[in-house]
Amino acid sequence: MPENKDVNKQGQNKFNNQKKNFKRQPRQPQVQDEFEESVVEIRRVVKVVKGGKNLSFRAIVVVGNRKGKVGLGVASAREVVPAIRKASNLARRNLVDVSVVNDTIPHEILVKYDAAKMLIKPAAPGTGIISSTTVRPALELAGIKNVLCKSLGSANSLTMLRAVFKAFNEIKPPEYYAKLRGITLKQLFHGDVLEGAEKE
């Protein structure tokens, strides 16, 4: 028994010496993520299986940097916090680029996704975002400040958001259409097709 006490004492002394020599490392500053996230909807969903019903939560999250990049994520989990975390990670991995000109979209667009139909129009400065509360976070986090948005079909939150993101993918910058038609930006906006032509 005395031998065991000596061994324990030696081990304790060794541990104390290591503890004295241990230097606490300074905490590394955390890098702030440029993306903001908005939880659009949290809904309890049920999956019917052979043994009964599995309850879980579905989260719809939109992330964006207000500079033309925005993403949509949908995920389910047994608890609310893991569902939001999973949806946020999915949204960050599925970012799309949105063409924003003078704080609005370059042109009007009408898109259809399943039963949802969305009409999005550019608006003058000072108009603000005229849309439903479901679609507003996606438009705000994309960096759009003036826009008119009208739902003409389904009122389902997820379907409406997918329709808006489909519109984001189809909106092209003015340079794209100018190059497609073989004209300059001035001719595209003002219709001055005779510019540069020789005058008789």
N, C-alpha and C. Protein backbone atom coordinates (compact mmCIF):
# COMPACT_ATOMS: atom_id res chain seq x y z
N MET A 1 0.81 -1.22 0.00
CA MET A 1 0.00 0.00 0.00
C MET A 1 0.84 1.26 0.00
N PRO A 2 1.93 1.35 0.81
CA PRO A 2 2.75 2.56 0.76
C PRO A 2 3.31 2.82 -0.63
N GLU A 3 3.62 1.71 -1.38
CA GLU A 3 4.17 1.89 -2.74
C GLU A 3 3.13 2.56 -3.64
N ASN A 4 1.88 2.17 -3.51
CA ASN A 4 0.82 2.78 -4.32
C ASN A 4 0.67 4.26 -4.01
N LYS A 5 0.81 4.62 -2.74
CA LYS A 5 0.71 6.03 -2.36
C LYS A 5 1.83 6.84 -2.98
N ASP A 6 3.06 6.25 -2.99
CA ASP A 6 4.20 6.95 -3.60
C ASP A 6 4.00 7.14 -5.10
N VAL A 7 3.47 6.09 -5.75
CA VAL A 7 3.23 6.19 -7.21
C VAL A 7 2.20 7.27 -7.50
N ASN A 8 1.12 7.31 -6.71
CA ASN A 8 0.08 8.32 -6.90
C ASN A 8 0.62 9.72 -6.66
N LYS A 9 1.48 9.82 -5.64
CA LYS A 9 2.05 11.13 -5.32
C LYS A 9 2.96 11.62 -6.43
N GLN A 10 3.77 10.70 -6.98
CA GLN A 10 4.66 11.07 -8.08
C GLN A 10 3.85 11.49 -9.31
N GLY A 11 2.77 10.76 -9.59
CA GLY A 11 1.93 11.12 -10.73
C GLY A 11 1.27 12.47 -10.55
N GLN A 12 0.82 12.76 -9.33
CA GLN A 12 0.21 14.05 -9.05
C GLN A 12 1.21 15.19 -9.21
N ASN A 13 2.44 14.97 -8.72
CA ASN A 13 3.47 16.00 -8.86
C ASN A 13 3.80 16.26 -10.33
N LYS A 14 3.85 15.18 -11.11
CA LYS A 14 4.14 15.32 -12.55
C LYS A 14 3.05 16.13 -13.24
N PHE A 15 1.80 15.84 -12.85
CA PHE A 15 0.67 16.56 -13.45
C PHE A 15 0.71 18.04 -13.08
N ASN A 16 1.06 18.34 -11.81
CA ASN A 16 1.14 19.73 -11.37
C ASN A 16 2.24 20.48 -12.10
N ASN A 17 3.38 19.81 -12.34
CA ASN A 17 4.49 20.45 -13.07
C ASN A 17 4.08 20.76 -14.51
N GLN A 18 3.36 19.82 -15.16
CA GLN A 18 2.90 20.05 -16.53
C GLN A 18 1.90 21.20 -16.57
N LYS A 19 1.07 21.28 -15.53
CA LYS A 19 0.08 22.34 -15.48
C LYS A 19 0.73 23.71 -15.32
N LYS A 20 1.85 23.78 -14.54
CA LYS A 20 2.55 25.04 -14.37
C LYS A 20 3.23 25.48 -15.66
N ASN A 21 3.77 24.49 -16.40
CA ASN A 21 4.49 24.82 -17.64
C ASN A 21 3.55 25.11 -18.81
N PHE A 22 2.27 24.77 -18.65
CA PHE A 22 1.32 24.99 -19.74
C PHE A 22 1.02 26.48 -19.89
N LYS A 23 1.16 26.96 -21.13
CA LYS A 23 0.89 28.37 -21.43
C LYS A 23 -0.39 28.46 -22.23
N ARG A 24 -1.28 29.27 -21.74
CA ARG A 24 -2.56 29.45 -22.44
C ARG A 24 -2.33 30.22 -23.73
N GLN A 25 -2.74 29.62 -24.85
CA GLN A 25 -2.58 30.27 -26.15
C GLN A 25 -3.66 31.33 -26.33
N PRO A 26 -3.28 32.46 -26.92
CA PRO A 26 -4.29 33.50 -27.15
C PRO A 26 -5.36 33.02 -28.09
N ARG A 27 -6.59 33.45 -27.83
CA ARG A 27 -7.72 33.03 -28.66
C ARG A 27 -7.61 33.66 -30.04
N GLN A 28 -7.79 32.82 -31.06
CA GLN A 28 -7.72 33.31 -32.44
C GLN A 28 -8.97 34.13 -32.76
N PRO A 29 -8.80 35.29 -33.34
CA PRO A 29 -9.99 36.08 -33.71
C PRO A 29 -10.79 35.38 -34.79
N GLN A 30 -12.11 35.32 -34.62
CA GLN A 30 -12.97 34.66 -35.58
C GLN A 30 -13.22 35.56 -36.78
N VAL A 31 -13.14 34.95 -37.97
CA VAL A 31 -13.37 35.71 -39.19
C VAL A 31 -14.87 35.87 -39.40
N GLN A 32 -15.32 37.10 -39.52
CA GLN A 32 -16.74 37.36 -39.71
C GLN A 32 -17.17 36.97 -41.13
N ASP A 33 -18.22 36.20 -41.22
CA ASP A 33 -18.74 35.78 -42.52
C ASP A 33 -19.49 36.94 -43.15
N GLU A 34 -19.27 37.14 -44.46
CA GLU A 34 -19.92 38.27 -45.13
C GLU A 34 -21.38 37.99 -45.42
N PHE A 35 -21.81 36.74 -45.28
CA PHE A 35 -23.17 36.39 -45.62
C PHE A 35 -24.10 36.52 -44.41
N GLU A 36 -25.26 37.10 -44.67
CA GLU A 36 -26.32 37.17 -43.67
C GLU A 36 -27.33 36.07 -43.97
N GLU A 37 -28.00 35.61 -42.94
CA GLU A 37 -29.00 34.56 -43.15
C GLU A 37 -30.34 34.96 -42.55
N SER A 38 -31.38 34.48 -43.18
CA SER A 38 -32.73 34.78 -42.74
C SER A 38 -33.55 33.49 -42.77
N VAL A 39 -34.18 33.16 -41.65
CA VAL A 39 -35.02 31.96 -41.56
C VAL A 39 -36.42 32.34 -42.04
N VAL A 40 -36.81 31.80 -43.17
CA VAL A 40 -38.09 32.14 -43.78
C VAL A 40 -39.23 31.38 -43.12
N GLU A 41 -39.01 30.09 -42.85
CA GLU A 41 -40.10 29.28 -42.31
C GLU A 41 -39.54 28.09 -41.56
N ILE A 42 -40.18 27.74 -40.46
CA ILE A 42 -39.91 26.50 -39.73
C ILE A 42 -41.24 25.77 -39.56
N ARG A 43 -41.30 24.58 -40.09
CA ARG A 43 -42.56 23.84 -40.06
C ARG A 43 -42.32 22.42 -39.52
N ARG A 44 -43.25 21.95 -38.72
CA ARG A 44 -43.16 20.58 -38.23
C ARG A 44 -43.76 19.64 -39.27
N VAL A 45 -42.98 18.65 -39.66
CA VAL A 45 -43.42 17.71 -40.68
C VAL A 45 -43.45 16.31 -40.07
N VAL A 46 -44.27 15.45 -40.65
CA VAL A 46 -44.45 14.09 -40.15
C VAL A 46 -44.21 13.10 -41.29
N LYS A 47 -43.40 12.10 -41.00
CA LYS A 47 -43.19 11.01 -41.95
C LYS A 47 -43.81 9.74 -41.38
N VAL A 48 -44.76 9.17 -42.10
CA VAL A 48 -45.45 7.97 -41.64
C VAL A 48 -44.65 6.74 -42.07
N VAL A 49 -44.24 5.94 -41.09
CA VAL A 49 -43.48 4.73 -41.36
C VAL A 49 -44.25 3.53 -40.78
N LYS A 50 -43.65 2.36 -40.94
CA LYS A 50 -44.34 1.15 -40.51
C LYS A 50 -44.58 1.13 -39.00
N GLY A 51 -43.61 1.66 -38.25
CA GLY A 51 -43.73 1.63 -36.80
C GLY A 51 -44.52 2.78 -36.21
N GLY A 52 -44.94 3.72 -37.01
CA GLY A 52 -45.68 4.87 -36.49
C GLY A 52 -45.37 6.13 -37.28
N LYS A 53 -45.18 7.23 -36.56
CA LYS A 53 -44.92 8.52 -37.20
C LYS A 53 -43.61 9.11 -36.67
N ASN A 54 -42.78 9.60 -37.59
CA ASN A 54 -41.54 10.27 -37.23
C ASN A 54 -41.74 11.78 -37.34
N LEU A 55 -41.64 12.49 -36.23
CA LEU A 55 -41.80 13.94 -36.23
C LEU A 55 -40.45 14.61 -36.44
N SER A 56 -40.40 15.63 -37.26
CA SER A 56 -39.17 16.40 -37.49
C SER A 56 -39.55 17.83 -37.86
N PHE A 57 -38.54 18.67 -37.97
CA PHE A 57 -38.76 20.08 -38.31
C PHE A 57 -38.05 20.41 -39.62
N ARG A 58 -38.76 21.11 -40.49
CA ARG A 58 -38.19 21.55 -41.76
C ARG A 58 -37.94 23.05 -41.71
N ALA A 59 -36.73 23.44 -42.06
CA ALA A 59 -36.35 24.85 -42.05
C ALA A 59 -36.03 25.32 -43.46
N ILE A 60 -36.49 26.52 -43.78
CA ILE A 60 -36.16 27.17 -45.06
C ILE A 60 -35.34 28.41 -44.73
N VAL A 61 -34.11 28.45 -45.22
CA VAL A 61 -33.17 29.53 -44.89
C VAL A 61 -32.65 30.16 -46.18
N VAL A 62 -32.57 31.48 -46.18
CA VAL A 62 -31.99 32.24 -47.30
C VAL A 62 -30.75 32.96 -46.78
N VAL A 63 -29.64 32.86 -47.51
CA VAL A 63 -28.42 33.57 -47.14
C VAL A 63 -28.01 34.45 -48.31
N GLY A 64 -27.33 35.55 -48.01
CA GLY A 64 -26.88 36.47 -49.06
C GLY A 64 -25.93 37.50 -48.49
N ASN A 65 -25.20 38.17 -49.39
CA ASN A 65 -24.24 39.19 -48.96
C ASN A 65 -24.68 40.60 -49.35
N ARG A 66 -25.91 40.74 -49.86
CA ARG A 66 -26.45 42.04 -50.31
C ARG A 66 -25.60 42.65 -51.42
N LYS A 67 -24.83 41.84 -52.12
CA LYS A 67 -23.99 42.33 -53.22
C LYS A 67 -24.14 41.48 -54.48
N GLY A 68 -25.29 40.81 -54.59
CA GLY A 68 -25.54 40.03 -55.80
C GLY A 68 -25.38 38.54 -55.65
N LYS A 69 -25.09 38.05 -54.44
CA LYS A 69 -24.99 36.61 -54.22
C LYS A 69 -26.01 36.20 -53.18
N VAL A 70 -26.78 35.17 -53.49
CA VAL A 70 -27.85 34.72 -52.60
C VAL A 70 -28.04 33.22 -52.79
N GLY A 71 -28.44 32.54 -51.71
CA GLY A 71 -28.64 31.10 -51.79
C GLY A 71 -29.84 30.67 -50.99
N LEU A 72 -30.41 29.51 -51.35
CA LEU A 72 -31.59 28.95 -50.70
C LEU A 72 -31.28 27.56 -50.20
N GLY A 73 -31.63 27.27 -48.93
CA GLY A 73 -31.40 25.95 -48.36
C GLY A 73 -32.63 25.44 -47.64
N VAL A 74 -32.91 24.15 -47.83
CA VAL A 74 -34.05 23.50 -47.17
C VAL A 74 -33.54 22.20 -46.54
N ALA A 75 -33.79 22.02 -45.24
CA ALA A 75 -33.31 20.82 -44.55
C ALA A 75 -34.25 20.48 -43.42
N SER A 76 -34.21 19.19 -43.01
CA SER A 76 -35.04 18.69 -41.92
C SER A 76 -34.17 18.04 -40.86
N ALA A 77 -34.61 18.10 -39.62
CA ALA A 77 -33.91 17.46 -38.51
C ALA A 77 -34.91 17.24 -37.37
N ARG A 78 -34.46 16.46 -36.37
CA ARG A 78 -35.35 16.16 -35.25
C ARG A 78 -35.58 17.38 -34.36
N GLU A 79 -34.63 18.35 -34.38
CA GLU A 79 -34.76 19.55 -33.58
C GLU A 79 -34.63 20.78 -34.48
N VAL A 80 -35.04 21.93 -33.95
CA VAL A 80 -35.09 23.15 -34.76
C VAL A 80 -33.70 23.65 -35.09
N VAL A 81 -32.82 23.73 -34.10
CA VAL A 81 -31.49 24.32 -34.32
C VAL A 81 -30.67 23.52 -35.35
N PRO A 82 -30.59 22.19 -35.25
CA PRO A 82 -29.87 21.45 -36.30
C PRO A 82 -30.48 21.62 -37.69
N ALA A 83 -31.80 21.74 -37.76
CA ALA A 83 -32.45 21.93 -39.07
C ALA A 83 -32.03 23.27 -39.68
N ILE A 84 -31.98 24.32 -38.86
CA ILE A 84 -31.58 25.64 -39.36
C ILE A 84 -30.11 25.60 -39.80
N ARG A 85 -29.26 24.92 -39.00
CA ARG A 85 -27.84 24.85 -39.33
C ARG A 85 -27.63 24.11 -40.65
N LYS A 86 -28.33 22.99 -40.83
CA LYS A 86 -28.19 22.22 -42.07
C LYS A 86 -28.68 23.02 -43.27
N ALA A 87 -29.81 23.71 -43.11
CA ALA A 87 -30.35 24.51 -44.22
C ALA A 87 -29.41 25.66 -44.57
N SER A 88 -28.80 26.28 -43.56
CA SER A 88 -27.86 27.38 -43.80
C SER A 88 -26.64 26.90 -44.56
N ASN A 89 -26.11 25.73 -44.19
CA ASN A 89 -24.95 25.19 -44.90
C ASN A 89 -25.29 24.85 -46.35
N LEU A 90 -26.48 24.30 -46.57
CA LEU A 90 -26.90 24.00 -47.95
C LEU A 90 -27.03 25.28 -48.77
N ALA A 91 -27.58 26.33 -48.16
CA ALA A 91 -27.75 27.60 -48.88
C ALA A 91 -26.40 28.19 -49.27
N ARG A 92 -25.40 28.08 -48.39
CA ARG A 92 -24.08 28.63 -48.69
C ARG A 92 -23.38 27.84 -49.79
N ARG A 93 -23.76 26.59 -49.97
CA ARG A 93 -23.15 25.77 -51.03
C ARG A 93 -23.86 25.93 -52.37
N ASN A 94 -25.05 26.55 -52.35
CA ASN A 94 -25.83 26.71 -53.58
C ASN A 94 -26.12 28.18 -53.85
N LEU A 95 -25.08 28.98 -53.94
CA LEU A 95 -25.23 30.41 -54.19
C LEU A 95 -25.43 30.68 -55.67
N VAL A 96 -26.24 31.68 -55.98
CA VAL A 96 -26.45 32.11 -57.36
C VAL A 96 -26.09 33.60 -57.46
N ASP A 97 -25.67 34.01 -58.63
CA ASP A 97 -25.35 35.42 -58.89
C ASP A 97 -26.57 36.11 -59.45
N VAL A 98 -26.89 37.26 -58.89
CA VAL A 98 -28.05 38.05 -59.32
C VAL A 98 -27.54 39.33 -59.97
N SER A 99 -28.06 39.63 -61.14
CA SER A 99 -27.68 40.87 -61.83
C SER A 99 -28.48 42.03 -61.25
N VAL A 100 -27.79 42.94 -60.58
CA VAL A 100 -28.43 44.11 -59.96
C VAL A 100 -27.88 45.37 -60.62
N VAL A 101 -28.76 46.21 -61.16
CA VAL A 101 -28.37 47.46 -61.82
C VAL A 101 -29.13 48.60 -61.15
N ASN A 102 -28.40 49.55 -60.59
CA ASN A 102 -29.01 50.70 -59.91
C ASN A 102 -30.02 50.26 -58.84
N ASP A 103 -29.63 49.26 -58.05
CA ASP A 103 -30.43 48.75 -56.92
C ASP A 103 -31.73 48.10 -57.35
N THR A 104 -31.85 47.72 -58.61
CA THR A 104 -33.04 47.01 -59.07
C THR A 104 -32.61 45.99 -60.13
N ILE A 105 -33.56 45.24 -60.68
CA ILE A 105 -33.23 44.26 -61.70
C ILE A 105 -33.21 44.93 -63.07
N PRO A 106 -32.47 44.39 -64.03
CA PRO A 106 -32.35 45.06 -65.33
C PRO A 106 -33.62 45.06 -66.16
N HIS A 107 -34.45 44.02 -66.03
CA HIS A 107 -35.63 43.93 -66.89
C HIS A 107 -36.73 43.14 -66.19
N GLU A 108 -37.92 43.26 -66.74
CA GLU A 108 -39.07 42.52 -66.21
C GLU A 108 -38.96 41.05 -66.56
N ILE A 109 -39.48 40.19 -65.67
CA ILE A 109 -39.42 38.75 -65.94
C ILE A 109 -40.64 38.07 -65.32
N LEU A 110 -41.15 37.07 -66.03
CA LEU A 110 -42.27 36.26 -65.56
C LEU A 110 -41.82 34.80 -65.60
N VAL A 111 -41.81 34.15 -64.45
CA VAL A 111 -41.33 32.76 -64.38
C VAL A 111 -42.42 31.89 -63.77
N LYS A 112 -42.35 30.60 -64.11
CA LYS A 112 -43.30 29.61 -63.59
C LYS A 112 -42.51 28.44 -63.05
N TYR A 113 -42.77 28.08 -61.80
CA TYR A 113 -42.15 26.90 -61.19
C TYR A 113 -43.24 26.07 -60.54
N ASP A 114 -43.51 24.89 -61.10
CA ASP A 114 -44.61 24.05 -60.64
C ASP A 114 -45.91 24.87 -60.65
N ALA A 115 -46.56 25.02 -59.51
CA ALA A 115 -47.84 25.76 -59.47
C ALA A 115 -47.64 27.23 -59.17
N ALA A 116 -46.40 27.64 -58.93
CA ALA A 116 -46.13 29.05 -58.61
C ALA A 116 -45.77 29.82 -59.87
N LYS A 117 -46.26 31.05 -59.93
CA LYS A 117 -45.94 31.95 -61.05
C LYS A 117 -45.62 33.31 -60.45
N MET A 118 -44.42 33.84 -60.78
CA MET A 118 -43.94 35.09 -60.19
C MET A 118 -43.67 36.11 -61.28
N LEU A 119 -44.18 37.31 -61.08
CA LEU A 119 -43.92 38.44 -61.96
C LEU A 119 -43.05 39.44 -61.18
N ILE A 120 -41.87 39.73 -61.72
CA ILE A 120 -40.93 40.64 -61.06
C ILE A 120 -40.61 41.77 -62.03
N LYS A 121 -40.80 43.02 -61.55
CA LYS A 121 -40.57 44.19 -62.39
C LYS A 121 -39.56 45.13 -61.74
N PRO A 122 -38.71 45.78 -62.53
CA PRO A 122 -37.83 46.81 -61.97
C PRO A 122 -38.64 48.02 -61.52
N ALA A 123 -38.12 48.75 -60.54
CA ALA A 123 -38.84 49.90 -60.01
C ALA A 123 -37.90 51.09 -59.89
N ALA A 124 -38.49 52.30 -59.82
CA ALA A 124 -37.72 53.53 -59.71
C ALA A 124 -37.12 53.67 -58.31
N PRO A 125 -36.05 54.46 -58.17
CA PRO A 125 -35.46 54.68 -56.84
C PRO A 125 -36.48 55.25 -55.86
N GLY A 126 -36.47 54.71 -54.64
CA GLY A 126 -37.39 55.15 -53.61
C GLY A 126 -38.64 54.31 -53.51
N THR A 127 -38.84 53.39 -54.44
CA THR A 127 -40.04 52.55 -54.41
C THR A 127 -39.99 51.55 -53.26
N GLY A 128 -38.82 50.96 -53.03
CA GLY A 128 -38.69 49.93 -52.02
C GLY A 128 -39.02 48.56 -52.59
N ILE A 129 -39.11 47.58 -51.71
CA ILE A 129 -39.43 46.22 -52.12
C ILE A 129 -40.92 45.97 -51.88
N ILE A 130 -41.66 45.87 -52.98
CA ILE A 130 -43.10 45.60 -52.90
C ILE A 130 -43.29 44.12 -53.18
N SER A 131 -43.43 43.31 -52.12
CA SER A 131 -43.58 41.87 -52.29
C SER A 131 -44.15 41.28 -51.00
N SER A 132 -44.37 39.98 -51.02
CA SER A 132 -44.87 39.29 -49.84
C SER A 132 -43.73 39.09 -48.84
N THR A 133 -44.09 38.78 -47.60
CA THR A 133 -43.08 38.57 -46.57
C THR A 133 -42.25 37.32 -46.84
N THR A 134 -42.77 36.39 -47.62
CA THR A 134 -42.02 35.17 -47.94
C THR A 134 -40.87 35.44 -48.89
N VAL A 135 -41.12 36.27 -49.89
CA VAL A 135 -40.12 36.52 -50.93
C VAL A 135 -39.17 37.65 -50.56
N ARG A 136 -39.59 38.54 -49.67
CA ARG A 136 -38.79 39.72 -49.32
C ARG A 136 -37.36 39.39 -48.88
N PRO A 137 -37.12 38.39 -47.99
CA PRO A 137 -35.73 38.13 -47.58
C PRO A 137 -34.80 37.80 -48.74
N ALA A 138 -35.28 37.05 -49.73
CA ALA A 138 -34.45 36.69 -50.88
C ALA A 138 -34.08 37.94 -51.68
N LEU A 139 -35.02 38.86 -51.87
CA LEU A 139 -34.75 40.08 -52.62
C LEU A 139 -33.81 41.00 -51.85
N GLU A 140 -34.02 41.13 -50.55
CA GLU A 140 -33.18 42.01 -49.74
C GLU A 140 -31.74 41.51 -49.68
N LEU A 141 -31.55 40.21 -49.42
CA LEU A 141 -30.21 39.66 -49.28
C LEU A 141 -29.49 39.56 -50.62
N ALA A 142 -30.23 39.68 -51.72
CA ALA A 142 -29.58 39.72 -53.03
C ALA A 142 -29.04 41.11 -53.35
N GLY A 143 -29.44 42.12 -52.57
CA GLY A 143 -28.96 43.48 -52.81
C GLY A 143 -29.94 44.33 -53.61
N ILE A 144 -31.15 43.83 -53.82
CA ILE A 144 -32.17 44.58 -54.57
C ILE A 144 -32.93 45.47 -53.59
N LYS A 145 -33.02 46.77 -53.89
CA LYS A 145 -33.68 47.72 -53.00
C LYS A 145 -35.00 48.26 -53.55
N ASN A 146 -35.16 48.22 -54.87
CA ASN A 146 -36.39 48.74 -55.49
C ASN A 146 -36.88 47.71 -56.50
N VAL A 147 -38.03 47.12 -56.22
CA VAL A 147 -38.55 46.09 -57.12
C VAL A 147 -40.04 45.87 -56.82
N LEU A 148 -40.76 45.44 -57.84
CA LEU A 148 -42.17 45.08 -57.71
C LEU A 148 -42.29 43.59 -57.98
N CYS A 149 -42.88 42.85 -57.04
CA CYS A 149 -42.99 41.40 -57.16
C CYS A 149 -44.42 40.97 -56.86
N LYS A 150 -44.99 40.18 -57.76
CA LYS A 150 -46.38 39.75 -57.61
C LYS A 150 -46.48 38.25 -57.84
N SER A 151 -47.12 37.55 -56.90
CA SER A 151 -47.36 36.12 -57.05
C SER A 151 -48.68 35.90 -57.77
N LEU A 152 -48.66 35.13 -58.85
CA LEU A 152 -49.85 34.89 -59.66
C LEU A 152 -50.33 33.45 -59.58
N GLY A 153 -49.72 32.66 -58.67
CA GLY A 153 -50.10 31.26 -58.60
C GLY A 153 -50.14 30.77 -57.16
N SER A 154 -49.45 29.68 -56.91
CA SER A 154 -49.45 29.04 -55.60
C SER A 154 -48.90 29.97 -54.52
N ALA A 155 -49.44 29.83 -53.30
CA ALA A 155 -48.98 30.62 -52.16
C ALA A 155 -48.06 29.82 -51.25
N ASN A 156 -47.62 28.63 -51.70
CA ASN A 156 -46.71 27.81 -50.90
C ASN A 156 -45.35 28.50 -50.80
N SER A 157 -44.83 28.60 -49.58
CA SER A 157 -43.60 29.36 -49.35
C SER A 157 -42.42 28.82 -50.14
N LEU A 158 -42.21 27.51 -50.08
CA LEU A 158 -41.05 26.92 -50.75
C LEU A 158 -41.15 27.04 -52.26
N THR A 159 -42.35 26.82 -52.80
CA THR A 159 -42.54 26.91 -54.25
C THR A 159 -42.33 28.34 -54.74
N MET A 160 -42.80 29.32 -53.97
CA MET A 160 -42.61 30.72 -54.35
C MET A 160 -41.13 31.08 -54.35
N LEU A 161 -40.40 30.65 -53.33
CA LEU A 161 -38.96 30.96 -53.27
C LEU A 161 -38.20 30.29 -54.40
N ARG A 162 -38.57 29.07 -54.73
CA ARG A 162 -37.89 28.40 -55.86
C ARG A 162 -38.19 29.12 -57.17
N ALA A 163 -39.39 29.66 -57.31
CA ALA A 163 -39.71 30.43 -58.50
C ALA A 163 -38.87 31.70 -58.58
N VAL A 164 -38.68 32.37 -57.43
CA VAL A 164 -37.86 33.58 -57.41
C VAL A 164 -36.41 33.26 -57.77
N PHE A 165 -35.88 32.15 -57.25
CA PHE A 165 -34.50 31.79 -57.57
C PHE A 165 -34.36 31.35 -59.03
N LYS A 166 -35.42 30.80 -59.59
CA LYS A 166 -35.39 30.51 -61.02
C LYS A 166 -35.33 31.81 -61.82
N ALA A 167 -36.05 32.83 -61.34
CA ALA A 167 -35.99 34.14 -62.00
C ALA A 167 -34.59 34.74 -61.87
N PHE A 168 -33.95 34.59 -60.71
CA PHE A 168 -32.58 35.09 -60.53
C PHE A 168 -31.64 34.48 -61.56
N ASN A 169 -31.82 33.18 -61.84
CA ASN A 169 -30.95 32.52 -62.81
C ASN A 169 -31.21 32.99 -64.24
N GLU A 170 -32.44 33.42 -64.52
CA GLU A 170 -32.79 33.82 -65.89
C GLU A 170 -32.57 35.30 -66.16
N ILE A 171 -32.40 36.11 -65.10
CA ILE A 171 -32.13 37.54 -65.29
C ILE A 171 -30.71 37.72 -65.78
N LYS A 172 -30.54 38.41 -66.89
CA LYS A 172 -29.21 38.63 -67.47
C LYS A 172 -28.87 40.12 -67.43
N PRO A 173 -27.58 40.45 -67.33
CA PRO A 173 -27.18 41.86 -67.32
C PRO A 173 -27.37 42.49 -68.69
N PRO A 174 -27.44 43.82 -68.78
CA PRO A 174 -27.64 44.49 -70.08
C PRO A 174 -26.54 44.17 -71.08
N GLU A 175 -25.31 43.98 -70.58
CA GLU A 175 -24.20 43.66 -71.50
C GLU A 175 -24.45 42.37 -72.27
N TYR A 176 -25.15 41.42 -71.64
CA TYR A 176 -25.44 40.15 -72.30
C TYR A 176 -26.33 40.36 -73.52
N TYR A 177 -27.40 41.16 -73.37
CA TYR A 177 -28.33 41.38 -74.47
C TYR A 177 -27.72 42.28 -75.55
N ALA A 178 -26.87 43.22 -75.13
CA ALA A 178 -26.20 44.06 -76.12
C ALA A 178 -25.27 43.23 -77.00
N LYS A 179 -24.52 42.34 -76.37
CA LYS A 179 -23.61 41.47 -77.13
C LYS A 179 -24.40 40.50 -78.00
N LEU A 180 -25.54 40.02 -77.49
CA LEU A 180 -26.37 39.08 -78.25
C LEU A 180 -26.91 39.71 -79.52
N ARG A 181 -27.26 41.01 -79.44
CA ARG A 181 -27.82 41.72 -80.60
C ARG A 181 -26.75 42.39 -81.45
N GLY A 182 -25.52 42.45 -80.93
CA GLY A 182 -24.45 43.09 -81.68
C GLY A 182 -24.55 44.60 -81.70
N ILE A 183 -25.05 45.21 -80.61
CA ILE A 183 -25.18 46.66 -80.53
C ILE A 183 -24.53 47.14 -79.24
N THR A 184 -24.42 48.45 -79.08
CA THR A 184 -23.84 49.01 -77.87
C THR A 184 -24.91 49.16 -76.79
N LEU A 185 -24.45 49.45 -75.57
CA LEU A 185 -25.40 49.64 -74.46
C LEU A 185 -26.28 50.86 -74.70
N LYS A 186 -25.72 51.91 -75.29
CA LYS A 186 -26.50 53.11 -75.57
C LYS A 186 -27.62 52.81 -76.57
N GLN A 187 -27.29 52.03 -77.59
CA GLN A 187 -28.31 51.65 -78.56
C GLN A 187 -29.37 50.75 -77.92
N LEU A 188 -28.95 49.91 -76.97
CA LEU A 188 -29.88 49.01 -76.31
C LEU A 188 -30.90 49.77 -75.47
N PHE A 189 -30.44 50.79 -74.75
CA PHE A 189 -31.34 51.51 -73.84
C PHE A 189 -32.12 52.61 -74.55
N HIS A 190 -31.50 53.28 -75.52
CA HIS A 190 -32.13 54.46 -76.13
C HIS A 190 -32.64 54.19 -77.54
N GLY A 191 -32.34 53.02 -78.09
CA GLY A 191 -32.82 52.72 -79.42
C GLY A 191 -32.19 53.53 -80.52
N ASP A 192 -30.97 54.06 -80.27
CA ASP A 192 -30.28 54.88 -81.26
C ASP A 192 -29.51 53.97 -82.21
N VAL A 193 -30.23 53.30 -83.09
CA VAL A 193 -29.61 52.33 -83.98
C VAL A 193 -28.83 53.00 -85.09
N LEU A 194 -29.07 54.29 -85.32
CA LEU A 194 -28.38 55.00 -86.39
C LEU A 194 -27.06 55.60 -85.93
N GLU A 195 -26.74 55.41 -84.67
CA GLU A 195 -25.51 55.99 -84.15
C GLU A 195 -24.31 55.36 -84.83
N GLY A 196 -23.40 56.17 -85.26
CA GLY A 196 -22.19 55.70 -85.91
C GLY A 196 -22.35 55.46 -87.40
N ALA A 197 -23.57 55.52 -87.91
CA ALA A 197 -23.78 55.32 -89.34
C ALA A 197 -23.40 56.58 -90.11
N GLU A 198 -22.96 56.40 -91.29
CA GLU A 198 -22.57 57.54 -92.10
C GLU A 198 -23.80 58.33 -92.53
N LYS A 199 -23.72 59.63 -92.36
CA LYS A 199 -24.83 60.48 -92.77
C LYS A 199 -24.70 60.82 -94.25
N GLU A 200 -25.78 60.75 -94.91
CA GLU A 200 -25.78 61.05 -96.36
C GLU A 200 -25.75 62.57 -96.58
